[in-house]
Amino acid sequence: MSIVRIKDKTFETSILEREIKQRVKELAQQLSKDLEGKNPLLLCVLNGSFIFAADLMREITIPCEISFVKLASYDGITSTEKVKEIIGLNTDLTGRTVVIVEDIVDTGRTMQQMLYSLSFHNPESIHICTLFVKPEKLIVNLDVEYAAFSIPNDFIVGYGLDFDQQGRGLKDIYTLKED
């Protein structure tokens, strides 16, 4: 296991890049099978899911499109429990199959807000695809159809996830070590 220091925090490797890539490929295969004939729109939630969304899209074998929205609910390593829409949707969703591509679902509040907002755009269906879900932290009842990993309620960085905008470029996932 390797250790990285980001600002005043220490993190250690918890999931290797090859494991992530394998799970992303498996999710893409499942999405390709389940949504065949649909031309889904991948709706990537920035900033954390951009690497996941790019790798996922490259592995999907059916025609699909991608668009981006940006929501914020974190301040450092703590959820603010308030979701702020920063960059809105600029794609017509009427009659579309939408796959929300998220980096991590923990409390579920961000996803709940997003589902609510998207419902006013008349999509045919909305699916949730996340790299990580924290089942013990969920306080909202969500149908997370596609999740690469279920993880404990730990703070993680790497593969697009950050700590105060740092660590996104790490290829592996690192978990915060208690000092």
N, C-alpha and C. Protein backbone atom coordinates (compact mmCIF):
# COMPACT_ATOMS: atom_id res chain seq x y z
N MET A 1 0.83 -1.18 0.00
CA MET A 1 0.00 0.00 0.00
C MET A 1 0.88 1.25 0.00
N SER A 2 0.51 2.19 -0.84
CA SER A 2 1.28 3.43 -0.84
C SER A 2 0.52 4.52 -0.08
N ILE A 3 1.27 5.48 0.36
CA ILE A 3 0.74 6.59 1.16
C ILE A 3 0.96 7.88 0.38
N VAL A 4 -0.05 8.77 0.39
CA VAL A 4 0.10 10.10 -0.20
C VAL A 4 -0.35 11.12 0.83
N ARG A 5 0.25 12.27 0.73
CA ARG A 5 -0.11 13.37 1.62
C ARG A 5 -0.72 14.47 0.75
N ILE A 6 -1.91 14.89 1.11
CA ILE A 6 -2.59 15.98 0.41
C ILE A 6 -2.94 17.03 1.45
N LYS A 7 -2.33 18.19 1.27
CA LYS A 7 -2.45 19.27 2.24
C LYS A 7 -2.07 18.72 3.62
N ASP A 8 -2.98 18.75 4.58
CA ASP A 8 -2.63 18.29 5.93
C ASP A 8 -3.16 16.89 6.25
N LYS A 9 -3.56 16.14 5.21
CA LYS A 9 -4.16 14.82 5.42
C LYS A 9 -3.30 13.73 4.79
N THR A 10 -3.36 12.54 5.40
CA THR A 10 -2.64 11.37 4.88
C THR A 10 -3.65 10.35 4.38
N PHE A 11 -3.38 9.81 3.20
CA PHE A 11 -4.25 8.83 2.56
C PHE A 11 -3.42 7.60 2.19
N GLU A 12 -4.07 6.42 2.23
CA GLU A 12 -3.39 5.20 1.79
C GLU A 12 -4.21 4.49 0.72
N THR A 13 -3.54 3.78 -0.16
CA THR A 13 -4.19 3.08 -1.25
C THR A 13 -5.23 2.11 -0.72
N SER A 14 -6.42 2.15 -1.33
CA SER A 14 -7.46 1.21 -0.94
C SER A 14 -8.03 0.43 -2.13
N ILE A 15 -8.05 1.02 -3.33
CA ILE A 15 -8.51 0.31 -4.52
C ILE A 15 -7.56 0.66 -5.66
N LEU A 16 -7.00 -0.36 -6.27
CA LEU A 16 -6.02 -0.17 -7.34
C LEU A 16 -6.70 0.17 -8.67
N GLU A 17 -5.98 0.89 -9.51
CA GLU A 17 -6.49 1.32 -10.81
C GLU A 17 -7.01 0.14 -11.62
N ARG A 18 -6.31 -0.97 -11.62
CA ARG A 18 -6.75 -2.11 -12.43
C ARG A 18 -8.10 -2.65 -11.97
N GLU A 19 -8.38 -2.61 -10.66
CA GLU A 19 -9.68 -3.04 -10.14
C GLU A 19 -10.77 -2.06 -10.58
N ILE A 20 -10.46 -0.78 -10.55
CA ILE A 20 -11.41 0.24 -10.99
C ILE A 20 -11.75 0.03 -12.46
N LYS A 21 -10.72 -0.10 -13.28
CA LYS A 21 -10.92 -0.26 -14.73
C LYS A 21 -11.76 -1.50 -15.03
N GLN A 22 -11.53 -2.58 -14.30
CA GLN A 22 -12.29 -3.81 -14.51
C GLN A 22 -13.77 -3.60 -14.17
N ARG A 23 -14.04 -2.94 -13.06
CA ARG A 23 -15.43 -2.68 -12.66
C ARG A 23 -16.11 -1.70 -13.63
N VAL A 24 -15.38 -0.71 -14.12
CA VAL A 24 -15.93 0.23 -15.10
C VAL A 24 -16.31 -0.53 -16.37
N LYS A 25 -15.45 -1.43 -16.80
CA LYS A 25 -15.73 -2.23 -18.00
C LYS A 25 -16.98 -3.09 -17.79
N GLU A 26 -17.12 -3.69 -16.61
CA GLU A 26 -18.29 -4.51 -16.31
C GLU A 26 -19.57 -3.67 -16.29
N LEU A 27 -19.50 -2.47 -15.71
CA LEU A 27 -20.67 -1.58 -15.72
C LEU A 27 -21.05 -1.20 -17.15
N ALA A 28 -20.05 -0.89 -17.96
CA ALA A 28 -20.31 -0.51 -19.35
C ALA A 28 -20.96 -1.65 -20.12
N GLN A 29 -20.51 -2.87 -19.88
CA GLN A 29 -21.12 -4.02 -20.53
C GLN A 29 -22.58 -4.17 -20.12
N GLN A 30 -22.86 -3.98 -18.83
CA GLN A 30 -24.23 -4.10 -18.34
C GLN A 30 -25.11 -2.99 -18.91
N LEU A 31 -24.60 -1.77 -18.92
CA LEU A 31 -25.35 -0.66 -19.51
C LEU A 31 -25.62 -0.90 -20.99
N SER A 32 -24.62 -1.37 -21.71
CA SER A 32 -24.76 -1.65 -23.14
C SER A 32 -25.84 -2.70 -23.39
N LYS A 33 -25.88 -3.69 -22.55
CA LYS A 33 -26.89 -4.76 -22.67
C LYS A 33 -28.28 -4.23 -22.31
N ASP A 34 -28.38 -3.58 -21.15
CA ASP A 34 -29.68 -3.13 -20.64
C ASP A 34 -30.31 -2.03 -21.49
N LEU A 35 -29.48 -1.19 -22.11
CA LEU A 35 -30.00 -0.02 -22.82
C LEU A 35 -29.83 -0.12 -24.34
N GLU A 36 -29.61 -1.31 -24.82
CA GLU A 36 -29.45 -1.51 -26.26
C GLU A 36 -30.65 -0.94 -27.01
N GLY A 37 -30.37 -0.20 -28.08
CA GLY A 37 -31.41 0.40 -28.89
C GLY A 37 -31.94 1.73 -28.35
N LYS A 38 -31.37 2.25 -27.28
CA LYS A 38 -31.89 3.45 -26.62
C LYS A 38 -31.12 4.73 -26.91
N ASN A 39 -29.88 4.70 -27.34
CA ASN A 39 -29.02 5.89 -27.49
C ASN A 39 -29.07 6.76 -26.23
N PRO A 40 -28.62 6.20 -25.09
CA PRO A 40 -28.72 6.93 -23.83
C PRO A 40 -27.84 8.19 -23.80
N LEU A 41 -28.29 9.13 -22.98
CA LEU A 41 -27.51 10.33 -22.70
C LEU A 41 -26.84 10.13 -21.35
N LEU A 42 -25.52 10.10 -21.34
CA LEU A 42 -24.77 10.04 -20.08
C LEU A 42 -24.69 11.46 -19.56
N LEU A 43 -25.22 11.67 -18.37
CA LEU A 43 -25.20 13.00 -17.76
C LEU A 43 -24.18 12.99 -16.65
N CYS A 44 -23.00 13.48 -16.97
CA CYS A 44 -21.84 13.43 -16.07
C CYS A 44 -21.91 14.57 -15.06
N VAL A 45 -21.83 14.21 -13.78
CA VAL A 45 -21.86 15.21 -12.72
C VAL A 45 -20.41 15.62 -12.42
N LEU A 46 -20.12 16.88 -12.72
CA LEU A 46 -18.78 17.41 -12.52
C LEU A 46 -18.60 17.86 -11.07
N ASN A 47 -17.39 17.91 -10.59
CA ASN A 47 -16.14 17.63 -11.25
C ASN A 47 -15.72 16.17 -11.06
N GLY A 48 -16.16 15.56 -10.00
CA GLY A 48 -15.61 14.27 -9.59
C GLY A 48 -15.77 13.12 -10.54
N SER A 49 -16.79 13.13 -11.40
CA SER A 49 -17.03 11.94 -12.22
C SER A 49 -16.47 12.03 -13.63
N PHE A 50 -15.72 13.07 -13.95
CA PHE A 50 -15.27 13.22 -15.34
C PHE A 50 -14.36 12.08 -15.80
N ILE A 51 -13.49 11.58 -14.96
CA ILE A 51 -12.61 10.47 -15.36
C ILE A 51 -13.42 9.19 -15.51
N PHE A 52 -14.27 8.93 -14.53
CA PHE A 52 -15.16 7.77 -14.57
C PHE A 52 -16.04 7.81 -15.82
N ALA A 53 -16.64 8.96 -16.11
CA ALA A 53 -17.53 9.08 -17.27
C ALA A 53 -16.77 8.84 -18.58
N ALA A 54 -15.57 9.37 -18.69
CA ALA A 54 -14.78 9.17 -19.90
C ALA A 54 -14.43 7.70 -20.09
N ASP A 55 -13.98 7.05 -19.03
CA ASP A 55 -13.63 5.63 -19.13
C ASP A 55 -14.87 4.78 -19.40
N LEU A 56 -15.98 5.12 -18.76
CA LEU A 56 -17.23 4.38 -18.96
C LEU A 56 -17.69 4.51 -20.41
N MET A 57 -17.69 5.73 -20.93
CA MET A 57 -18.16 5.95 -22.29
C MET A 57 -17.32 5.20 -23.31
N ARG A 58 -16.01 5.14 -23.08
CA ARG A 58 -15.13 4.42 -24.01
C ARG A 58 -15.39 2.92 -24.01
N GLU A 59 -15.96 2.40 -22.92
CA GLU A 59 -16.24 0.96 -22.82
C GLU A 59 -17.66 0.60 -23.26
N ILE A 60 -18.56 1.57 -23.34
CA ILE A 60 -19.93 1.30 -23.77
C ILE A 60 -19.92 0.98 -25.26
N THR A 61 -20.64 -0.07 -25.64
CA THR A 61 -20.59 -0.55 -27.02
C THR A 61 -21.81 -0.17 -27.84
N ILE A 62 -22.74 0.60 -27.27
CA ILE A 62 -23.91 1.07 -28.01
C ILE A 62 -23.76 2.57 -28.25
N PRO A 63 -24.48 3.11 -29.24
CA PRO A 63 -24.43 4.56 -29.42
C PRO A 63 -24.92 5.27 -28.16
N CYS A 64 -24.21 6.32 -27.77
CA CYS A 64 -24.61 7.11 -26.61
C CYS A 64 -24.04 8.51 -26.77
N GLU A 65 -24.56 9.43 -25.97
CA GLU A 65 -24.11 10.81 -25.98
C GLU A 65 -23.73 11.18 -24.55
N ILE A 66 -23.07 12.33 -24.41
CA ILE A 66 -22.68 12.79 -23.07
C ILE A 66 -22.93 14.28 -22.94
N SER A 67 -23.33 14.67 -21.74
CA SER A 67 -23.47 16.08 -21.39
C SER A 67 -23.03 16.22 -19.94
N PHE A 68 -22.91 17.46 -19.46
CA PHE A 68 -22.34 17.69 -18.14
C PHE A 68 -23.18 18.66 -17.33
N VAL A 69 -23.27 18.39 -16.04
CA VAL A 69 -23.84 19.33 -15.08
C VAL A 69 -22.89 19.39 -13.90
N LYS A 70 -22.98 20.46 -13.16
CA LYS A 70 -22.12 20.59 -12.00
C LYS A 70 -22.97 20.92 -10.79
N LEU A 71 -22.84 20.09 -9.77
CA LEU A 71 -23.53 20.30 -8.50
C LEU A 71 -22.48 20.29 -7.41
N ALA A 72 -22.77 20.96 -6.31
CA ALA A 72 -21.82 20.96 -5.20
C ALA A 72 -22.55 20.73 -3.89
N SER A 73 -21.95 19.89 -3.03
CA SER A 73 -22.52 19.67 -1.70
C SER A 73 -21.44 19.43 -0.66
N TYR A 74 -20.16 19.60 -1.04
CA TYR A 74 -19.06 19.34 -0.12
C TYR A 74 -18.26 20.59 0.16
N ASP A 75 -17.71 20.65 1.36
CA ASP A 75 -16.77 21.69 1.74
C ASP A 75 -15.63 20.98 2.43
N GLY A 76 -14.51 20.80 1.73
CA GLY A 76 -13.40 20.01 2.30
C GLY A 76 -13.77 18.54 2.31
N ILE A 77 -13.78 17.93 3.50
CA ILE A 77 -14.13 16.51 3.61
C ILE A 77 -15.50 16.32 4.23
N THR A 78 -16.26 17.40 4.38
CA THR A 78 -17.55 17.34 5.04
C THR A 78 -18.67 17.74 4.09
N SER A 79 -19.76 16.96 4.08
CA SER A 79 -20.94 17.33 3.30
C SER A 79 -21.60 18.54 3.95
N THR A 80 -21.96 19.52 3.12
CA THR A 80 -22.65 20.69 3.63
C THR A 80 -24.14 20.42 3.83
N GLU A 81 -24.60 19.29 3.30
CA GLU A 81 -26.00 18.89 3.32
C GLU A 81 -26.89 19.88 2.57
N LYS A 82 -26.29 20.74 1.77
CA LYS A 82 -27.02 21.65 0.89
C LYS A 82 -26.49 21.44 -0.52
N VAL A 83 -27.38 21.20 -1.45
CA VAL A 83 -26.98 20.99 -2.83
C VAL A 83 -27.17 22.30 -3.58
N LYS A 84 -26.10 22.73 -4.24
CA LYS A 84 -26.14 23.96 -5.02
C LYS A 84 -25.94 23.60 -6.48
N GLU A 85 -26.90 23.92 -7.34
CA GLU A 85 -26.70 23.70 -8.76
C GLU A 85 -25.85 24.84 -9.29
N ILE A 86 -24.71 24.50 -9.87
CA ILE A 86 -23.76 25.52 -10.31
C ILE A 86 -23.86 25.72 -11.83
N ILE A 87 -23.83 24.65 -12.56
CA ILE A 87 -23.97 24.72 -14.02
C ILE A 87 -25.16 23.86 -14.38
N GLY A 88 -26.16 24.45 -15.00
CA GLY A 88 -27.39 23.74 -15.30
C GLY A 88 -27.32 22.91 -16.57
N LEU A 89 -28.40 22.26 -16.82
CA LEU A 89 -28.56 21.37 -17.95
C LEU A 89 -28.83 22.18 -19.22
N ASN A 90 -28.16 21.84 -20.32
CA ASN A 90 -28.39 22.56 -21.57
C ASN A 90 -28.74 21.61 -22.72
N THR A 91 -29.24 20.41 -22.39
CA THR A 91 -29.61 19.41 -23.39
C THR A 91 -31.08 19.06 -23.22
N ASP A 92 -31.80 18.94 -24.32
CA ASP A 92 -33.21 18.55 -24.26
C ASP A 92 -33.31 17.08 -23.88
N LEU A 93 -34.00 16.79 -22.79
CA LEU A 93 -34.13 15.42 -22.30
C LEU A 93 -35.46 14.78 -22.67
N THR A 94 -36.33 15.50 -23.32
CA THR A 94 -37.66 14.99 -23.63
C THR A 94 -37.57 13.66 -24.36
N GLY A 95 -38.17 12.63 -23.75
CA GLY A 95 -38.21 11.30 -24.34
C GLY A 95 -36.89 10.54 -24.33
N ARG A 96 -35.88 11.08 -23.67
CA ARG A 96 -34.55 10.45 -23.67
C ARG A 96 -34.37 9.47 -22.51
N THR A 97 -33.51 8.51 -22.72
CA THR A 97 -33.02 7.64 -21.65
C THR A 97 -31.78 8.32 -21.10
N VAL A 98 -31.83 8.68 -19.82
CA VAL A 98 -30.74 9.42 -19.18
C VAL A 98 -30.04 8.52 -18.17
N VAL A 99 -28.72 8.52 -18.21
CA VAL A 99 -27.92 7.81 -17.22
C VAL A 99 -27.10 8.86 -16.48
N ILE A 100 -27.44 9.08 -15.22
CA ILE A 100 -26.66 10.01 -14.41
C ILE A 100 -25.37 9.30 -14.03
N VAL A 101 -24.24 9.89 -14.37
CA VAL A 101 -22.93 9.32 -14.06
C VAL A 101 -22.33 10.15 -12.93
N GLU A 102 -22.25 9.53 -11.76
CA GLU A 102 -21.82 10.21 -10.54
C GLU A 102 -20.57 9.51 -9.99
N ASP A 103 -19.72 10.27 -9.31
CA ASP A 103 -18.53 9.66 -8.72
C ASP A 103 -18.88 8.88 -7.45
N ILE A 104 -19.71 9.48 -6.59
CA ILE A 104 -20.00 8.84 -5.31
C ILE A 104 -21.39 9.25 -4.81
N VAL A 105 -22.12 8.27 -4.31
CA VAL A 105 -23.40 8.52 -3.67
C VAL A 105 -23.21 8.18 -2.20
N ASP A 106 -23.33 9.20 -1.35
CA ASP A 106 -23.21 8.90 0.09
C ASP A 106 -24.54 9.14 0.78
N THR A 107 -24.93 10.36 1.11
CA THR A 107 -26.22 10.56 1.77
C THR A 107 -27.38 10.36 0.79
N GLY A 108 -27.13 10.63 -0.49
CA GLY A 108 -28.16 10.53 -1.51
C GLY A 108 -28.88 11.84 -1.78
N ARG A 109 -28.61 12.86 -0.99
CA ARG A 109 -29.30 14.14 -1.16
C ARG A 109 -29.01 14.79 -2.52
N THR A 110 -27.77 14.76 -2.93
CA THR A 110 -27.41 15.34 -4.23
C THR A 110 -28.17 14.62 -5.34
N MET A 111 -28.18 13.31 -5.29
CA MET A 111 -28.86 12.52 -6.31
C MET A 111 -30.37 12.76 -6.27
N GLN A 112 -30.95 12.85 -5.08
CA GLN A 112 -32.37 13.12 -4.94
C GLN A 112 -32.72 14.47 -5.59
N GLN A 113 -31.90 15.49 -5.34
CA GLN A 113 -32.13 16.81 -5.94
C GLN A 113 -32.01 16.74 -7.45
N MET A 114 -31.04 15.99 -7.92
CA MET A 114 -30.84 15.87 -9.36
C MET A 114 -32.02 15.15 -10.02
N LEU A 115 -32.48 14.07 -9.43
CA LEU A 115 -33.63 13.34 -9.96
C LEU A 115 -34.86 14.25 -10.02
N TYR A 116 -35.06 15.01 -8.97
CA TYR A 116 -36.19 15.95 -8.91
C TYR A 116 -36.08 16.98 -10.04
N SER A 117 -34.92 17.58 -10.19
CA SER A 117 -34.71 18.60 -11.23
C SER A 117 -34.90 18.01 -12.63
N LEU A 118 -34.37 16.82 -12.84
CA LEU A 118 -34.46 16.20 -14.17
C LEU A 118 -35.88 15.79 -14.53
N SER A 119 -36.69 15.49 -13.53
CA SER A 119 -38.07 15.03 -13.80
C SER A 119 -38.87 16.10 -14.56
N PHE A 120 -38.54 17.36 -14.40
CA PHE A 120 -39.24 18.44 -15.09
C PHE A 120 -38.86 18.55 -16.57
N HIS A 121 -37.86 17.77 -16.99
CA HIS A 121 -37.40 17.80 -18.39
C HIS A 121 -37.97 16.66 -19.21
N ASN A 122 -38.89 15.90 -18.65
CA ASN A 122 -39.64 14.84 -19.36
C ASN A 122 -38.80 13.75 -20.01
N PRO A 123 -37.80 13.21 -19.30
CA PRO A 123 -37.06 12.10 -19.88
C PRO A 123 -37.93 10.84 -19.92
N GLU A 124 -37.61 9.92 -20.79
CA GLU A 124 -38.32 8.64 -20.83
C GLU A 124 -38.00 7.84 -19.57
N SER A 125 -36.70 7.82 -19.22
CA SER A 125 -36.27 7.12 -18.02
C SER A 125 -34.96 7.73 -17.52
N ILE A 126 -34.71 7.53 -16.22
CA ILE A 126 -33.48 8.01 -15.60
C ILE A 126 -32.86 6.86 -14.83
N HIS A 127 -31.58 6.61 -15.06
CA HIS A 127 -30.84 5.56 -14.38
C HIS A 127 -29.67 6.19 -13.64
N ILE A 128 -29.30 5.60 -12.53
CA ILE A 128 -28.16 6.09 -11.75
C ILE A 128 -26.99 5.13 -11.90
N CYS A 129 -25.85 5.67 -12.30
CA CYS A 129 -24.61 4.90 -12.42
C CYS A 129 -23.55 5.64 -11.62
N THR A 130 -23.02 4.98 -10.60
CA THR A 130 -22.02 5.63 -9.75
C THR A 130 -20.80 4.74 -9.58
N LEU A 131 -19.68 5.37 -9.42
CA LEU A 131 -18.46 4.62 -9.15
C LEU A 131 -18.50 4.04 -7.74
N PHE A 132 -18.95 4.85 -6.78
CA PHE A 132 -18.99 4.42 -5.38
C PHE A 132 -20.34 4.73 -4.76
N VAL A 133 -20.79 3.85 -3.88
CA VAL A 133 -21.96 4.10 -3.05
C VAL A 133 -21.58 3.74 -1.62
N LYS A 134 -22.05 4.55 -0.69
CA LYS A 134 -21.82 4.30 0.74
C LYS A 134 -23.16 3.91 1.37
N PRO A 135 -23.52 2.63 1.35
CA PRO A 135 -24.84 2.21 1.82
C PRO A 135 -25.15 2.62 3.25
N GLU A 136 -24.15 2.59 4.14
CA GLU A 136 -24.43 2.91 5.54
C GLU A 136 -24.66 4.40 5.78
N LYS A 137 -24.32 5.23 4.80
CA LYS A 137 -24.52 6.68 4.95
C LYS A 137 -25.78 7.18 4.23
N LEU A 138 -26.36 6.34 3.37
CA LEU A 138 -27.56 6.73 2.63
C LEU A 138 -28.70 7.08 3.58
N ILE A 139 -29.29 8.25 3.37
CA ILE A 139 -30.46 8.63 4.15
C ILE A 139 -31.67 8.83 3.25
N VAL A 140 -31.47 8.68 1.94
CA VAL A 140 -32.51 8.84 0.94
C VAL A 140 -32.69 7.49 0.25
N ASN A 141 -33.92 7.11 0.02
CA ASN A 141 -34.19 5.85 -0.67
C ASN A 141 -34.00 6.05 -2.17
N LEU A 142 -32.93 5.47 -2.72
CA LEU A 142 -32.59 5.60 -4.13
C LEU A 142 -32.47 4.23 -4.79
N ASP A 143 -32.78 4.17 -6.08
CA ASP A 143 -32.55 2.97 -6.86
C ASP A 143 -31.25 3.19 -7.63
N VAL A 144 -30.14 2.79 -7.03
CA VAL A 144 -28.83 2.91 -7.68
C VAL A 144 -28.62 1.61 -8.46
N GLU A 145 -28.99 1.65 -9.75
CA GLU A 145 -28.96 0.44 -10.58
C GLU A 145 -27.54 -0.03 -10.90
N TYR A 146 -26.64 0.92 -11.07
CA TYR A 146 -25.29 0.59 -11.51
C TYR A 146 -24.29 1.22 -10.55
N ALA A 147 -23.64 0.39 -9.76
CA ALA A 147 -22.62 0.87 -8.81
C ALA A 147 -21.40 -0.03 -8.93
N ALA A 148 -20.26 0.59 -9.17
CA ALA A 148 -19.03 -0.19 -9.30
C ALA A 148 -18.59 -0.76 -7.95
N PHE A 149 -18.65 0.06 -6.90
CA PHE A 149 -18.18 -0.37 -5.58
C PHE A 149 -19.11 0.14 -4.48
N SER A 150 -19.39 -0.72 -3.52
CA SER A 150 -20.00 -0.31 -2.25
C SER A 150 -18.86 -0.20 -1.26
N ILE A 151 -18.76 0.95 -0.61
CA ILE A 151 -17.63 1.17 0.29
C ILE A 151 -18.13 1.64 1.65
N PRO A 152 -17.28 1.51 2.67
CA PRO A 152 -17.65 2.05 3.98
C PRO A 152 -17.67 3.57 3.96
N ASN A 153 -18.11 4.15 5.05
CA ASN A 153 -18.22 5.60 5.15
C ASN A 153 -16.86 6.23 5.43
N ASP A 154 -15.94 6.06 4.51
CA ASP A 154 -14.61 6.64 4.59
C ASP A 154 -14.50 7.76 3.56
N PHE A 155 -13.59 8.71 3.80
CA PHE A 155 -13.33 9.76 2.83
C PHE A 155 -12.25 9.27 1.88
N ILE A 156 -12.51 9.37 0.56
CA ILE A 156 -11.58 8.85 -0.44
C ILE A 156 -11.22 9.93 -1.45
N VAL A 157 -10.05 9.74 -2.09
CA VAL A 157 -9.59 10.60 -3.18
C VAL A 157 -9.00 9.74 -4.28
N GLY A 158 -8.87 10.34 -5.45
CA GLY A 158 -8.25 9.68 -6.59
C GLY A 158 -9.29 9.35 -7.66
N TYR A 159 -8.81 9.10 -8.86
CA TYR A 159 -9.66 8.74 -9.99
C TYR A 159 -10.80 9.74 -10.16
N GLY A 160 -10.47 11.02 -10.00
CA GLY A 160 -11.44 12.10 -10.18
C GLY A 160 -11.97 12.69 -8.88
N LEU A 161 -11.92 11.94 -7.80
CA LEU A 161 -12.40 12.44 -6.51
C LEU A 161 -11.30 13.25 -5.85
N ASP A 162 -11.69 14.30 -5.11
CA ASP A 162 -10.69 15.22 -4.60
C ASP A 162 -10.83 15.49 -3.11
N PHE A 163 -9.79 16.10 -2.58
CA PHE A 163 -9.81 16.74 -1.27
C PHE A 163 -9.39 18.18 -1.51
N ASP A 164 -10.31 19.11 -1.36
CA ASP A 164 -10.06 20.53 -1.64
C ASP A 164 -9.38 20.72 -2.99
N GLN A 165 -9.94 20.10 -4.01
CA GLN A 165 -9.49 20.18 -5.40
C GLN A 165 -8.16 19.48 -5.68
N GLN A 166 -7.61 18.78 -4.72
CA GLN A 166 -6.34 18.08 -4.91
C GLN A 166 -6.58 16.57 -4.93
N GLY A 167 -5.72 15.84 -5.64
CA GLY A 167 -5.77 14.38 -5.64
C GLY A 167 -6.60 13.76 -6.75
N ARG A 168 -7.27 14.57 -7.55
CA ARG A 168 -8.12 14.02 -8.62
C ARG A 168 -7.35 13.16 -9.61
N GLY A 169 -6.11 13.52 -9.86
CA GLY A 169 -5.31 12.82 -10.87
C GLY A 169 -4.69 11.51 -10.41
N LEU A 170 -4.86 11.16 -9.15
CA LEU A 170 -4.32 9.88 -8.67
C LEU A 170 -5.04 8.74 -9.39
N LYS A 171 -4.30 7.76 -9.84
CA LYS A 171 -4.88 6.66 -10.61
C LYS A 171 -5.59 5.64 -9.74
N ASP A 172 -5.13 5.47 -8.50
CA ASP A 172 -5.76 4.55 -7.56
C ASP A 172 -6.70 5.34 -6.66
N ILE A 173 -7.49 4.64 -5.85
CA ILE A 173 -8.30 5.28 -4.83
C ILE A 173 -7.54 5.20 -3.52
N TYR A 174 -7.53 6.30 -2.81
CA TYR A 174 -6.86 6.40 -1.52
C TYR A 174 -7.88 6.76 -0.44
N THR A 175 -7.74 6.13 0.71
CA THR A 175 -8.65 6.37 1.84
C THR A 175 -7.92 7.19 2.89
N LEU A 176 -8.65 8.14 3.47
CA LEU A 176 -8.11 8.98 4.54
C LEU A 176 -7.71 8.13 5.72
N LYS A 177 -6.48 8.32 6.18
CA LYS A 177 -5.99 7.64 7.38
C LYS A 177 -6.22 8.55 8.57
N GLU A 178 -6.69 7.97 9.64
CA GLU A 178 -6.83 8.76 10.86
C GLU A 178 -5.44 8.99 11.45
N ASP A 179 -5.13 10.24 11.76
CA ASP A 179 -3.79 10.56 12.30
C ASP A 179 -3.69 10.24 13.77
